C-alpha atoms as a PDB file:
ATOM      1  CA  MET A   1      -0.084   0.346  -0.095  1.00  0.00           C
ATOM      2  CA  VAL A   2       1.064   3.602  -0.769  1.00  0.00           C
ATOM      3  CA  GLN A   3      -0.534   6.671   1.222  1.00  0.00           C
ATOM      4  CA  ILE A   4       0.314  10.028  -0.605  1.00  0.00           C
ATOM      5  CA  ASN A   5      -0.204  12.901   0.795  1.00  0.00           C
ATOM      6  CA  PHE A   6      -1.286  15.508  -1.346  1.00  0.00           C
ATOM      7  CA  TYR A   7      -1.127  19.154  -1.521  1.00  0.00           C
ATOM      8  CA  ASP A   8      -1.691  21.588  -4.695  1.00  0.00           C
ATOM      9  CA  GLU A   9      -0.471  25.023  -4.104  1.00  0.00           C
ATOM     10  CA  ILE A  10      -2.736  25.789  -6.810  1.00  0.00           C
ATOM     11  CA  THR A  11      -5.804  25.749  -6.594  1.00  0.00           C
ATOM     12  CA  GLU A  12      -5.992  24.531  -3.014  1.00  0.00           C
ATOM     13  CA  GLU A  13      -7.717  21.066  -3.845  1.00  0.00           C
ATOM     14  CA  MET A  14      -7.598  18.019  -4.794  1.00  0.00           C
ATOM     15  CA  ASN A  15      -7.414  16.519  -7.400  1.00  0.00           C
ATOM     16  CA  GLU A  16      -8.842  12.751  -7.784  1.00  0.00           C
ATOM     17  CA  GLU A  17      -7.596  11.719 -11.282  1.00  0.00           C
ATOM     18  CA  GLU A  18      -3.961  13.110 -10.191  1.00  0.00           C
ATOM     19  CA  LEU A  19      -3.730  11.239  -7.436  1.00  0.00           C
ATOM     20  CA  ALA A  20      -5.479   7.784  -8.035  1.00  0.00           C
ATOM     21  CA  LEU A  21      -2.674   8.261 -11.578  1.00  0.00           C
ATOM     22  CA  ALA A  22      -0.134   8.991  -9.477  1.00  0.00           C
ATOM     23  CA  GLN A  23      -1.589   5.857  -6.100  1.00  0.00           C
ATOM     24  CA  LYS A  24      -1.114   3.180  -9.726  1.00  0.00           C
ATOM     25  CA  VAL A  25       2.203   4.789 -10.989  1.00  0.00           C
ATOM     26  CA  ILE A  26       3.804   4.838  -7.865  1.00  0.00           C
ATOM     27  CA  GLU A  27       2.621   1.011  -6.499  1.00  0.00           C
ATOM     28  CA  HIS A  28       3.299  -0.669  -9.312  1.00  0.00           C
ATOM     29  CA  ILE A  29       6.939   0.748  -9.094  1.00  0.00           C
ATOM     30  CA  LEU A  30       7.163  -0.157  -5.786  1.00  0.00           C
ATOM     31  CA  LEU A  31       5.903  -3.681  -6.556  1.00  0.00           C
ATOM     32  CA  LYS A  32       7.914  -4.394  -9.929  1.00  0.00           C
ATOM     33  CA  GLU A  33      11.307  -2.610  -8.018  1.00  0.00           C
ATOM     34  CA  GLY A  34      10.344  -5.920  -5.018  1.00  0.00           C
ATOM     35  CA  CYS A  35       9.492  -2.675  -2.154  1.00  0.00           C
ATOM     36  CA  PRO A  36       8.398  -5.492   0.857  1.00  0.00           C
ATOM     37  CA  PHE A  37       7.217  -1.818   2.713  1.00  0.00           C
ATOM     38  CA  ASP A  38       3.923  -0.122   2.914  1.00  0.00           C
ATOM     39  CA  ALA A  39       5.061   3.503   1.333  1.00  0.00           C
ATOM     40  CA  GLU A  40       4.309   6.848   1.630  1.00  0.00           C
ATOM     41  CA  VAL A  41       4.968  10.021  -0.283  1.00  0.00           C
ATOM     42  CA  ASN A  42       4.138  13.674   0.052  1.00  0.00           C
ATOM     43  CA  LEU A  43       3.129  14.884  -3.715  1.00  0.00           C
ATOM     44  CA  THR A  44       2.967  18.194  -4.193  1.00  0.00           C
ATOM     45  CA  MET A  45       1.405  19.942  -7.094  1.00  0.00           C
ATOM     46  CA  THR A  46       2.238  24.213  -8.095  1.00  0.00           C
ATOM     47  CA  ASN A  47       3.419  26.606 -10.278  1.00  0.00           C
ATOM     48  CA  ASP A  48       6.679  27.836 -12.010  1.00  0.00           C
ATOM     49  CA  GLU A  49       7.018  30.541  -9.536  1.00  0.00           C
ATOM     50  CA  GLY A  50       6.668  28.275  -6.459  1.00  0.00           C
ATOM     51  CA  ILE A  51       8.976  25.542  -8.067  1.00  0.00           C
ATOM     52  CA  TRP A  52      11.652  27.858  -9.106  1.00  0.00           C
ATOM     53  CA  GLU A  53      11.653  29.019  -5.483  1.00  0.00           C
ATOM     54  CA  VAL A  54      12.264  25.761  -4.392  1.00  0.00           C
ATOM     55  CA  ASN A  55      14.703  24.843  -6.960  1.00  0.00           C
ATOM     56  CA  ARG A  56      16.424  27.792  -5.866  1.00  0.00           C
ATOM     57  CA  GLU A  57      16.378  27.860  -2.538  1.00  0.00           C
ATOM     58  CA  PHE A  58      17.597  23.911  -2.166  1.00  0.00           C
ATOM     59  CA  ARG A  59      19.833  23.356  -5.214  1.00  0.00           C
ATOM     60  CA  GLU A  60      20.796  26.862  -6.527  1.00  0.00           C
ATOM     61  CA  ILE A  61      19.507  26.985  -9.423  1.00  0.00           C
ATOM     62  CA  ASP A  62      17.740  30.124 -10.242  1.00  0.00           C
ATOM     63  CA  ARG A  63      15.387  28.717 -12.940  1.00  0.00           C
ATOM     64  CA  PRO A  64      12.055  26.516 -13.035  1.00  0.00           C
ATOM     65  CA  THR A  65      11.786  22.887 -13.797  1.00  0.00           C
ATOM     66  CA  ASP A  66       9.035  20.204 -13.928  1.00  0.00           C
ATOM     67  CA  VAL A  67       9.658  18.047 -11.279  1.00  0.00           C
ATOM     68  CA  LEU A  68      11.914  18.220  -8.024  1.00  0.00           C
ATOM     69  CA  SER A  69      12.511  15.035  -5.905  1.00  0.00           C
ATOM     70  CA  PHE A  70      13.969  14.930  -2.199  1.00  0.00           C
ATOM     71  CA  PRO A  71      14.582  11.486  -0.689  1.00  0.00           C
ATOM     72  CA  ASN A  72      14.440  10.941   2.686  1.00  0.00           C
ATOM     73  CA  CYS A  73      15.929   7.655   2.698  1.00  0.00           C
ATOM     74  CA  GLU A  74      19.751   7.235   1.128  1.00  0.00           C
ATOM     75  CA  PHE A  75      20.161   3.959  -0.751  1.00  0.00           C
ATOM     76  CA  ASP A  76      23.295   2.091  -1.004  1.00  0.00           C
ATOM     77  CA  ILE A  77      22.154  -0.362  -4.339  1.00  0.00           C
ATOM     78  CA  PRO A  78      18.717   1.890  -5.693  1.00  0.00           C
ATOM     79  CA  GLY A  79      15.959  -0.555  -5.753  1.00  0.00           C
ATOM     80  CA  GLU A  80      17.312  -2.806  -2.880  1.00  0.00           C
ATOM     81  CA  PHE A  81      15.046  -2.406   0.111  1.00  0.00           C
ATOM     82  CA  SER A  82      16.848  -4.899   2.360  1.00  0.00           C
ATOM     83  CA  ALA A  83      19.151  -2.971   4.591  1.00  0.00           C
ATOM     84  CA  PHE A  84      15.465  -1.116   5.595  1.00  0.00           C
ATOM     85  CA  ARG A  85      14.457  -4.600   7.612  1.00  0.00           C
ATOM     86  CA  ASP A  86      16.288  -2.925  10.999  1.00  0.00           C
ATOM     87  CA  LYS A  87      14.072  -0.312  11.522  1.00  0.00           C
ATOM     88  CA  ALA A  88      16.515   0.077  14.743  1.00  0.00           C
ATOM     89  CA  VAL A  89      18.948   1.590  12.337  1.00  0.00           C
ATOM     90  CA  TYR A  90      16.649   3.220   9.997  1.00  0.00           C
ATOM     91  CA  PHE A  91      13.999   4.471  12.276  1.00  0.00           C
ATOM     92  CA  ASP A  92      14.161   8.128  10.382  1.00  0.00           C
ATOM     93  CA  CYS A  93      13.252   6.459   7.675  1.00  0.00           C
ATOM     94  CA  PHE A  94      10.298   5.073   8.334  1.00  0.00           C
ATOM     95  CA  ASN A  95       6.309   7.480  10.017  1.00  0.00           C
ATOM     96  CA  PRO A  96       6.445   6.670  13.766  1.00  0.00           C
ATOM     97  CA  GLU A  97       2.444   7.196  13.410  1.00  0.00           C
ATOM     98  CA  ASN A  98       1.853   4.141  10.736  1.00  0.00           C
ATOM     99  CA  GLY A  99       5.020   2.570  10.199  1.00  0.00           C
ATOM    100  CA  TYR A 100       5.187   3.122   6.680  1.00  0.00           C
ATOM    101  CA  LEU A 101       8.555   3.443   4.901  1.00  0.00           C
ATOM    102  CA  PHE A 102       8.823   7.525   3.642  1.00  0.00           C
ATOM    103  CA  LEU A 103      10.333   7.353   0.953  1.00  0.00           C
ATOM    104  CA  GLY A 104      10.290  11.072   0.942  1.00  0.00           C
ATOM    105  CA  ASP A 105       8.946  14.035  -1.452  1.00  0.00           C
ATOM    106  CA  ILE A 106       7.745  15.316  -5.154  1.00  0.00           C
ATOM    107  CA  MET A 107       7.527  18.892  -6.272  1.00  0.00           C
ATOM    108  CA  ILE A 108       5.515  18.741  -9.548  1.00  0.00           C
ATOM    109  CA  SER A 109       5.334  22.315 -11.560  1.00  0.00           C
ATOM    110  CA  ARG A 110       2.040  21.735 -13.190  1.00  0.00           C
ATOM    111  CA  ASP A 111       3.063  24.828 -15.668  1.00  0.00           C
ATOM    112  CA  LYS A 112       5.873  22.743 -17.134  1.00  0.00           C
ATOM    113  CA  MET A 113       3.535  19.642 -17.068  1.00  0.00           C
ATOM    114  CA  LEU A 114       0.815  21.252 -19.469  1.00  0.00           C
ATOM    115  CA  ALA A 115       3.783  22.677 -21.511  1.00  0.00           C
ATOM    116  CA  GLN A 116       5.945  19.960 -22.278  1.00  0.00           C
ATOM    117  CA  ALA A 117       2.794  17.238 -22.754  1.00  0.00           C
ATOM    118  CA  GLU A 118       2.262  19.296 -25.631  1.00  0.00           C
ATOM    119  CA  GLU A 119       6.057  20.023 -26.692  1.00  0.00           C
ATOM    120  CA  TYR A 120       6.838  16.300 -26.777  1.00  0.00           C
ATOM    121  CA  GLY A 121       2.976  15.920 -28.390  1.00  0.00           C
ATOM    122  CA  HIS A 122       1.088  12.938 -26.136  1.00  0.00           C
ATOM    123  CA  GLY A 123      -1.357  13.855 -23.618  1.00  0.00           C
ATOM    124  CA  VAL A 124      -0.678  15.054 -20.025  1.00  0.00           C
ATOM    125  CA  THR A 125      -1.323  11.690 -18.662  1.00  0.00           C
ATOM    126  CA  ARG A 126       0.815  10.275 -20.286  1.00  0.00           C
ATOM    127  CA  GLU A 127       3.393  13.700 -18.349  1.00  0.00           C
ATOM    128  CA  PHE A 128       2.082  13.422 -15.194  1.00  0.00           C
ATOM    129  CA  ALA A 129       2.372   9.862 -14.756  1.00  0.00           C
ATOM    130  CA  PHE A 130       6.372  10.053 -16.434  1.00  0.00           C
ATOM    131  CA  LEU A 131       7.342  12.870 -13.866  1.00  0.00           C
ATOM    132  CA  ILE A 132       5.803  10.674 -10.737  1.00  0.00           C
ATOM    133  CA  ALA A 133       7.457   7.815 -12.177  1.00  0.00           C
ATOM    134  CA  HIS A 134      10.881   9.439 -12.611  1.00  0.00           C
ATOM    135  CA  SER A 135      10.792  11.098  -9.265  1.00  0.00           C
ATOM    136  CA  VAL A 136       9.888   7.863  -7.481  1.00  0.00           C
ATOM    137  CA  LEU A 137      12.907   5.972  -9.039  1.00  0.00           C
ATOM    138  CA  HIS A 138      14.275   9.076  -7.542  1.00  0.00           C
ATOM    139  CA  LEU A 139      13.104   8.587  -3.928  1.00  0.00           C
ATOM    140  CA  ILE A 140      14.785   4.641  -4.442  1.00  0.00           C
ATOM    141  CA  GLY A 141      17.646   5.696  -5.071  1.00  0.00           C
ATOM    142  CA  TYR A 142      18.451   5.936  -9.246  1.00  0.00           C
ATOM    143  CA  ASP A 143      19.582   9.139 -10.833  1.00  0.00           C
ATOM    144  CA  HIS A 144      21.304   9.914 -13.955  1.00  0.00           C
ATOM    145  CA  MET A 145      23.975  11.805 -13.567  1.00  0.00           C
ATOM    146  CA  GLU A 146      26.307   8.983 -15.486  1.00  0.00           C
ATOM    147  CA  GLU A 147      25.506   8.221 -18.658  1.00  0.00           C
ATOM    148  CA  GLU A 148      24.862   4.634 -17.260  1.00  0.00           C
ATOM    149  CA  GLU A 149      22.727   5.372 -14.860  1.00  0.00           C
ATOM    150  CA  ALA A 150      20.436   7.541 -16.829  1.00  0.00           C
ATOM    151  CA  LYS A 151      20.259   4.709 -19.547  1.00  0.00           C
ATOM    152  CA  CYS A 152      19.357   2.506 -16.426  1.00  0.00           C
ATOM    153  CA  MET A 153      16.289   4.708 -15.094  1.00  0.00           C
ATOM    154  CA  GLU A 154      15.596   5.521 -18.809  1.00  0.00           C
ATOM    155  CA  GLU A 155      14.669   2.255 -19.066  1.00  0.00           C
ATOM    156  CA  LYS A 156      12.934   1.363 -16.125  1.00  0.00           C
ATOM    157  CA  GLN A 157      10.546   4.650 -16.574  1.00  0.00           C
ATOM    158  CA  ASN A 158       9.778   3.583 -20.397  1.00  0.00           C
ATOM    159  CA  ILE A 159       9.311  -0.743 -19.224  1.00  0.00           C
ATOM    160  CA  TYR A 160       6.861   0.788 -16.279  1.00  0.00           C
ATOM    161  CA  LEU A 161       5.299   3.087 -18.009  1.00  0.00           C
ATOM    162  CA  ASN A 162       4.048   0.879 -20.760  1.00  0.00           C
ATOM    163  CA  GLU A 163       3.182  -2.140 -18.241  1.00  0.00           C
ATOM    164  CA  LEU A 164       0.713   0.653 -17.309  1.00  0.00           C
ATOM    165  CA  GLY A 165      -0.819   1.024 -20.163  1.00  0.00           C
ATOM    166  CA  ILE A 166       0.539   4.685 -20.223  1.00  0.00           C
ATOM    167  CA  THR A 167       2.508   5.561 -24.102  1.00  0.00           C
ATOM    168  CA  ARG A 168       3.231   7.893 -25.776  1.00  0.00           C
END
């Protein structure tokens, strides 16, 4: 099970369709990656201005971006959850209120999401699902700083979205 704490800084309302799609994508990825825990993720929808501010503050990059991921846990090996079985050592990775593995925070710019969906010629649903998949992989230790890492991450994103029938 995945609990998503959904925040929308623009409308201040929960978008049930986005929440359901995020749930579907996150649960699928965690299942395929072999996560043995119930998990929790914070998801914030914002605009270019909101994500620009966070990007500047936390990454010292002075421009808006499409998505930011803030992992709560450090993975020695991407997608390898076995170390977290020792909850006494990794207690700070678990929410003490519900016992779920707290993976971290995802922030998406709705402005960028809509623009990229148009730019790439696919629907908003596909773009949103891609941003969620990309972020979740970051939350579980994957990165794309090196060419091999980028290739692995891109392959996983495409495989998981295709398995869900979310294609370009």
